[in-house]
Amino acid sequence: QVQPVESGGGLVQPGGSLRLSCAASGSTFSIRAVGWYRQTPGKQRELVAAIDDDGTIHYADSVKGRFTISRDNAKTTMYLQMNALKPEDTAVYYCKIQGDPWGEGTLVAVSP
């Protein structure tokens, strides 16, 4: 019912790191599945990482070993730690809380 708010994007050099945050709301946050997605112009929005409602964590093959998804239920906030960034990681990143609308996203640009 309420848009989440993504933050933490920016310009970073290849090999660098960023930590994205997503501020959500609602007393049911802790029991909802959550995920991070990304999208570039002309391409489908793709799942980057997710935490299922049973706690199982999933990563896209392209980010496995480099990105870490986490959540703080007390703060109704989720995070995406991104390390060893590559130019192909450049995209608008969106967080998703099961049952809630999409937010506006935050831009991550990886470039020298």
N, C-alpha and C. Protein backbone atom coordinates (compact mmCIF):
# COMPACT_ATOMS: atom_id res chain seq x y z
N GLN A 1 0.81 -1.22 0.00
CA GLN A 1 0.00 0.00 0.00
C GLN A 1 0.84 1.27 0.00
N VAL A 2 2.07 1.20 0.49
CA VAL A 2 2.95 2.36 0.55
C VAL A 2 4.25 2.05 -0.18
N GLN A 3 4.70 3.00 -1.00
CA GLN A 3 5.94 2.80 -1.73
C GLN A 3 7.14 2.73 -0.79
N PRO A 4 8.04 1.77 -1.02
CA PRO A 4 9.31 1.81 -0.30
C PRO A 4 10.19 2.91 -0.90
N VAL A 5 11.21 3.31 -0.15
CA VAL A 5 12.11 4.37 -0.60
C VAL A 5 13.53 3.83 -0.63
N GLU A 6 14.09 3.75 -1.83
CA GLU A 6 15.45 3.27 -2.02
C GLU A 6 16.44 4.43 -1.92
N SER A 7 17.63 4.14 -1.42
CA SER A 7 18.67 5.15 -1.33
C SER A 7 20.04 4.47 -1.36
N GLY A 8 21.08 5.26 -1.55
CA GLY A 8 22.44 4.74 -1.50
C GLY A 8 23.12 4.57 -2.83
N GLY A 9 22.40 4.80 -3.92
CA GLY A 9 23.01 4.68 -5.23
C GLY A 9 23.97 5.82 -5.50
N GLY A 10 24.70 5.69 -6.60
CA GLY A 10 25.65 6.71 -6.97
C GLY A 10 26.63 6.20 -8.00
N LEU A 11 27.65 7.00 -8.25
CA LEU A 11 28.70 6.65 -9.19
C LEU A 11 29.87 6.03 -8.44
N VAL A 12 30.32 4.89 -8.93
CA VAL A 12 31.42 4.18 -8.28
C VAL A 12 32.32 3.57 -9.35
N GLN A 13 33.60 3.47 -9.06
CA GLN A 13 34.53 2.86 -10.00
C GLN A 13 34.42 1.34 -9.99
N PRO A 14 34.77 0.68 -11.09
CA PRO A 14 34.80 -0.78 -11.07
C PRO A 14 35.65 -1.29 -9.92
N GLY A 15 35.16 -2.32 -9.26
CA GLY A 15 35.83 -2.87 -8.11
C GLY A 15 35.42 -2.23 -6.80
N GLY A 16 34.67 -1.15 -6.87
CA GLY A 16 34.23 -0.46 -5.68
C GLY A 16 33.01 -1.09 -5.05
N SER A 17 32.51 -0.44 -4.00
CA SER A 17 31.39 -0.95 -3.24
C SER A 17 30.34 0.12 -2.99
N LEU A 18 29.11 -0.31 -2.85
CA LEU A 18 28.01 0.54 -2.44
C LEU A 18 27.08 -0.28 -1.56
N ARG A 19 26.39 0.42 -0.68
CA ARG A 19 25.37 -0.23 0.13
C ARG A 19 24.04 0.48 -0.09
N LEU A 20 23.09 -0.23 -0.65
CA LEU A 20 21.77 0.32 -0.88
C LEU A 20 20.87 0.04 0.31
N SER A 21 19.99 0.98 0.60
CA SER A 21 19.02 0.82 1.66
C SER A 21 17.62 0.99 1.10
N CYS A 22 16.68 0.34 1.72
CA CYS A 22 15.28 0.43 1.33
C CYS A 22 14.45 0.56 2.59
N ALA A 23 13.81 1.70 2.74
CA ALA A 23 12.98 1.96 3.90
C ALA A 23 11.54 1.59 3.58
N ALA A 24 11.02 0.66 4.34
CA ALA A 24 9.65 0.23 4.19
C ALA A 24 8.86 0.62 5.43
N SER A 25 7.62 0.18 5.49
CA SER A 25 6.79 0.47 6.64
C SER A 25 5.76 -0.63 6.81
N GLY A 26 5.11 -0.62 7.95
CA GLY A 26 4.05 -1.59 8.21
C GLY A 26 4.46 -2.65 9.20
N SER A 27 3.52 -3.05 10.00
CA SER A 27 3.79 -4.04 11.05
C SER A 27 4.00 -5.45 10.50
N THR A 28 3.62 -5.68 9.25
CA THR A 28 3.76 -7.01 8.66
C THR A 28 5.05 -7.17 7.85
N PHE A 29 5.95 -6.20 7.89
CA PHE A 29 7.18 -6.26 7.12
C PHE A 29 7.96 -7.54 7.42
N SER A 30 8.02 -7.93 8.66
CA SER A 30 8.86 -9.04 9.09
C SER A 30 8.42 -10.38 8.52
N ILE A 31 7.19 -10.51 8.09
CA ILE A 31 6.69 -11.77 7.57
C ILE A 31 6.52 -11.76 6.04
N ARG A 32 6.99 -10.71 5.41
CA ARG A 32 6.88 -10.61 3.96
C ARG A 32 8.21 -10.92 3.28
N ALA A 33 8.10 -11.58 2.13
CA ALA A 33 9.28 -11.77 1.30
C ALA A 33 9.74 -10.42 0.76
N VAL A 34 11.03 -10.27 0.56
CA VAL A 34 11.60 -9.03 0.04
C VAL A 34 12.64 -9.35 -1.03
N GLY A 35 12.90 -8.36 -1.87
CA GLY A 35 13.89 -8.58 -2.91
C GLY A 35 14.42 -7.28 -3.50
N TRP A 36 15.58 -7.38 -4.11
CA TRP A 36 16.17 -6.29 -4.88
C TRP A 36 16.14 -6.67 -6.36
N TYR A 37 15.74 -5.72 -7.19
CA TYR A 37 15.68 -5.89 -8.63
C TYR A 37 16.46 -4.76 -9.29
N ARG A 38 16.82 -4.96 -10.55
CA ARG A 38 17.47 -3.89 -11.29
C ARG A 38 16.98 -3.88 -12.72
N GLN A 39 17.09 -2.71 -13.35
CA GLN A 39 16.62 -2.55 -14.71
C GLN A 39 17.46 -1.52 -15.45
N THR A 40 17.81 -1.85 -16.69
CA THR A 40 18.49 -0.93 -17.59
C THR A 40 17.56 -0.64 -18.76
N PRO A 41 17.76 0.48 -19.47
CA PRO A 41 16.87 0.83 -20.58
C PRO A 41 16.78 -0.27 -21.62
N GLY A 42 15.56 -0.59 -22.01
CA GLY A 42 15.33 -1.59 -23.04
C GLY A 42 15.39 -3.03 -22.57
N LYS A 43 15.60 -3.23 -21.28
CA LYS A 43 15.68 -4.59 -20.76
C LYS A 43 14.63 -4.83 -19.68
N GLN A 44 14.35 -6.09 -19.45
CA GLN A 44 13.41 -6.49 -18.42
C GLN A 44 14.01 -6.22 -17.04
N ARG A 45 13.14 -5.91 -16.11
CA ARG A 45 13.57 -5.82 -14.73
C ARG A 45 13.91 -7.22 -14.23
N GLU A 46 15.08 -7.36 -13.65
CA GLU A 46 15.53 -8.68 -13.23
C GLU A 46 15.76 -8.75 -11.72
N LEU A 47 15.51 -9.92 -11.21
CA LEU A 47 15.76 -10.17 -9.79
C LEU A 47 17.25 -10.26 -9.53
N VAL A 48 17.71 -9.52 -8.54
CA VAL A 48 19.11 -9.54 -8.14
C VAL A 48 19.31 -10.43 -6.92
N ALA A 49 18.48 -10.23 -5.92
CA ALA A 49 18.57 -10.99 -4.68
C ALA A 49 17.22 -10.94 -3.98
N ALA A 50 16.92 -11.98 -3.23
CA ALA A 50 15.65 -12.03 -2.53
C ALA A 50 15.76 -12.84 -1.25
N ILE A 51 14.90 -12.52 -0.32
CA ILE A 51 14.72 -13.32 0.88
C ILE A 51 13.27 -13.77 0.88
N ASP A 52 13.07 -15.07 0.76
CA ASP A 52 11.73 -15.61 0.77
C ASP A 52 11.09 -15.46 2.15
N ASP A 53 9.78 -15.70 2.18
CA ASP A 53 9.08 -15.55 3.45
C ASP A 53 9.46 -16.62 4.47
N ASP A 54 10.19 -17.65 4.04
CA ASP A 54 10.70 -18.65 4.98
C ASP A 54 12.17 -18.40 5.34
N GLY A 55 12.74 -17.31 4.85
CA GLY A 55 14.11 -16.95 5.15
C GLY A 55 15.14 -17.39 4.14
N THR A 56 14.75 -18.16 3.15
CA THR A 56 15.67 -18.62 2.13
C THR A 56 16.15 -17.45 1.27
N ILE A 57 17.45 -17.38 1.03
CA ILE A 57 18.04 -16.30 0.26
C ILE A 57 18.42 -16.79 -1.13
N HIS A 58 18.12 -15.96 -2.12
CA HIS A 58 18.43 -16.27 -3.51
C HIS A 58 19.21 -15.13 -4.12
N TYR A 59 20.16 -15.46 -5.00
CA TYR A 59 20.92 -14.48 -5.74
C TYR A 59 20.95 -14.83 -7.21
N ALA A 60 20.93 -13.81 -8.04
CA ALA A 60 21.19 -14.03 -9.45
C ALA A 60 22.62 -14.52 -9.62
N ASP A 61 22.84 -15.39 -10.59
CA ASP A 61 24.18 -15.92 -10.82
C ASP A 61 25.21 -14.81 -11.05
N SER A 62 24.78 -13.73 -11.69
CA SER A 62 25.68 -12.66 -12.04
C SER A 62 26.22 -11.88 -10.84
N VAL A 63 25.55 -11.98 -9.70
CA VAL A 63 25.97 -11.23 -8.51
C VAL A 63 26.39 -12.12 -7.36
N LYS A 64 26.22 -13.41 -7.51
CA LYS A 64 26.54 -14.34 -6.43
C LYS A 64 28.00 -14.22 -6.02
N GLY A 65 28.22 -14.11 -4.73
CA GLY A 65 29.57 -13.96 -4.21
C GLY A 65 30.02 -12.52 -4.08
N ARG A 66 29.28 -11.59 -4.68
CA ARG A 66 29.65 -10.18 -4.63
C ARG A 66 28.63 -9.33 -3.87
N PHE A 67 27.35 -9.71 -3.95
CA PHE A 67 26.28 -8.95 -3.32
C PHE A 67 25.73 -9.72 -2.13
N THR A 68 25.25 -8.98 -1.13
CA THR A 68 24.63 -9.58 0.03
C THR A 68 23.35 -8.84 0.37
N ILE A 69 22.25 -9.56 0.44
CA ILE A 69 20.98 -8.98 0.84
C ILE A 69 20.77 -9.25 2.33
N SER A 70 20.20 -8.28 3.01
CA SER A 70 19.90 -8.44 4.43
C SER A 70 18.69 -7.58 4.79
N ARG A 71 18.18 -7.79 5.97
CA ARG A 71 17.03 -7.02 6.43
C ARG A 71 17.12 -6.78 7.92
N ASP A 72 16.55 -5.67 8.36
CA ASP A 72 16.43 -5.34 9.76
C ASP A 72 14.96 -5.12 10.02
N ASN A 73 14.32 -6.12 10.56
CA ASN A 73 12.87 -6.05 10.73
C ASN A 73 12.45 -4.99 11.75
N ALA A 74 13.27 -4.75 12.76
CA ALA A 74 12.95 -3.74 13.75
C ALA A 74 12.90 -2.35 13.12
N LYS A 75 13.73 -2.12 12.11
CA LYS A 75 13.77 -0.84 11.41
C LYS A 75 12.96 -0.86 10.13
N THR A 76 12.33 -1.97 9.82
CA THR A 76 11.60 -2.18 8.56
C THR A 76 12.42 -1.68 7.38
N THR A 77 13.67 -2.11 7.35
CA THR A 77 14.61 -1.69 6.33
C THR A 77 15.33 -2.91 5.77
N MET A 78 15.59 -2.90 4.47
CA MET A 78 16.38 -3.93 3.84
C MET A 78 17.57 -3.30 3.14
N TYR A 79 18.60 -4.10 2.93
CA TYR A 79 19.86 -3.60 2.40
C TYR A 79 20.39 -4.50 1.29
N LEU A 80 21.21 -3.91 0.46
CA LEU A 80 21.96 -4.66 -0.53
C LEU A 80 23.40 -4.16 -0.51
N GLN A 81 24.29 -4.97 0.04
CA GLN A 81 25.71 -4.65 0.03
C GLN A 81 26.28 -5.15 -1.29
N MET A 82 26.88 -4.25 -2.06
CA MET A 82 27.41 -4.58 -3.36
C MET A 82 28.92 -4.35 -3.36
N ASN A 83 29.67 -5.41 -3.57
CA ASN A 83 31.12 -5.34 -3.62
C ASN A 83 31.62 -5.76 -4.99
N ALA A 84 32.86 -5.43 -5.27
CA ALA A 84 33.50 -5.81 -6.54
C ALA A 84 32.60 -5.45 -7.72
N LEU A 85 32.11 -4.23 -7.72
CA LEU A 85 31.17 -3.81 -8.75
C LEU A 85 31.78 -3.80 -10.14
N LYS A 86 30.97 -4.16 -11.10
CA LYS A 86 31.36 -4.22 -12.50
C LYS A 86 30.52 -3.25 -13.31
N PRO A 87 31.01 -2.79 -14.46
CA PRO A 87 30.20 -1.90 -15.30
C PRO A 87 28.83 -2.48 -15.64
N GLU A 88 28.74 -3.78 -15.81
CA GLU A 88 27.46 -4.40 -16.13
C GLU A 88 26.47 -4.40 -14.97
N ASP A 89 26.90 -3.98 -13.79
CA ASP A 89 25.99 -3.80 -12.67
C ASP A 89 25.24 -2.47 -12.75
N THR A 90 25.62 -1.61 -13.67
CA THR A 90 24.97 -0.32 -13.83
C THR A 90 23.49 -0.51 -14.14
N ALA A 91 22.64 0.10 -13.34
CA ALA A 91 21.19 -0.05 -13.50
C ALA A 91 20.49 0.81 -12.46
N VAL A 92 19.19 0.93 -12.62
CA VAL A 92 18.36 1.46 -11.55
C VAL A 92 17.95 0.28 -10.68
N TYR A 93 18.20 0.39 -9.41
CA TYR A 93 17.90 -0.69 -8.47
C TYR A 93 16.64 -0.38 -7.70
N TYR A 94 15.77 -1.38 -7.62
CA TYR A 94 14.49 -1.26 -6.94
C TYR A 94 14.39 -2.30 -5.84
N CYS A 95 13.78 -1.93 -4.74
CA CYS A 95 13.45 -2.93 -3.74
C CYS A 95 11.97 -3.27 -3.84
N LYS A 96 11.64 -4.45 -3.40
CA LYS A 96 10.27 -4.92 -3.46
C LYS A 96 9.92 -5.64 -2.17
N ILE A 97 8.83 -5.22 -1.57
CA ILE A 97 8.27 -5.91 -0.43
C ILE A 97 6.98 -6.56 -0.91
N GLN A 98 6.85 -7.84 -0.67
CA GLN A 98 5.69 -8.60 -1.13
C GLN A 98 4.40 -7.88 -0.78
N GLY A 99 3.58 -7.62 -1.79
CA GLY A 99 2.29 -6.99 -1.60
C GLY A 99 2.29 -5.47 -1.67
N ASP A 100 3.46 -4.84 -1.71
CA ASP A 100 3.57 -3.38 -1.76
C ASP A 100 3.94 -2.92 -3.16
N PRO A 101 3.63 -1.66 -3.48
CA PRO A 101 4.03 -1.12 -4.80
C PRO A 101 5.53 -0.98 -4.94
N TRP A 102 5.98 -0.82 -6.19
CA TRP A 102 7.37 -0.50 -6.45
C TRP A 102 7.69 0.92 -6.01
N GLY A 103 8.93 1.12 -5.59
CA GLY A 103 9.41 2.47 -5.32
C GLY A 103 9.96 3.10 -6.58
N GLU A 104 10.63 4.25 -6.44
CA GLU A 104 11.18 4.96 -7.59
C GLU A 104 12.54 4.45 -8.02
N GLY A 105 13.20 3.72 -7.17
CA GLY A 105 14.51 3.17 -7.49
C GLY A 105 15.64 4.12 -7.17
N THR A 106 16.85 3.59 -7.21
CA THR A 106 18.05 4.39 -7.02
C THR A 106 19.08 3.96 -8.07
N LEU A 107 19.73 4.93 -8.69
CA LEU A 107 20.63 4.65 -9.79
C LEU A 107 22.02 4.29 -9.29
N VAL A 108 22.52 3.18 -9.81
CA VAL A 108 23.90 2.76 -9.57
C VAL A 108 24.64 2.81 -10.90
N ALA A 109 25.70 3.58 -10.95
CA ALA A 109 26.51 3.70 -12.16
C ALA A 109 27.93 3.29 -11.85
N VAL A 110 28.42 2.28 -12.54
CA VAL A 110 29.76 1.76 -12.33
C VAL A 110 30.59 2.11 -13.56
N SER A 111 31.52 3.01 -13.39
CA SER A 111 32.30 3.53 -14.51
C SER A 111 33.60 4.12 -14.02
N PRO A 112 34.67 4.02 -14.83
CA PRO A 112 35.92 4.70 -14.47
C PRO A 112 35.77 6.21 -14.45
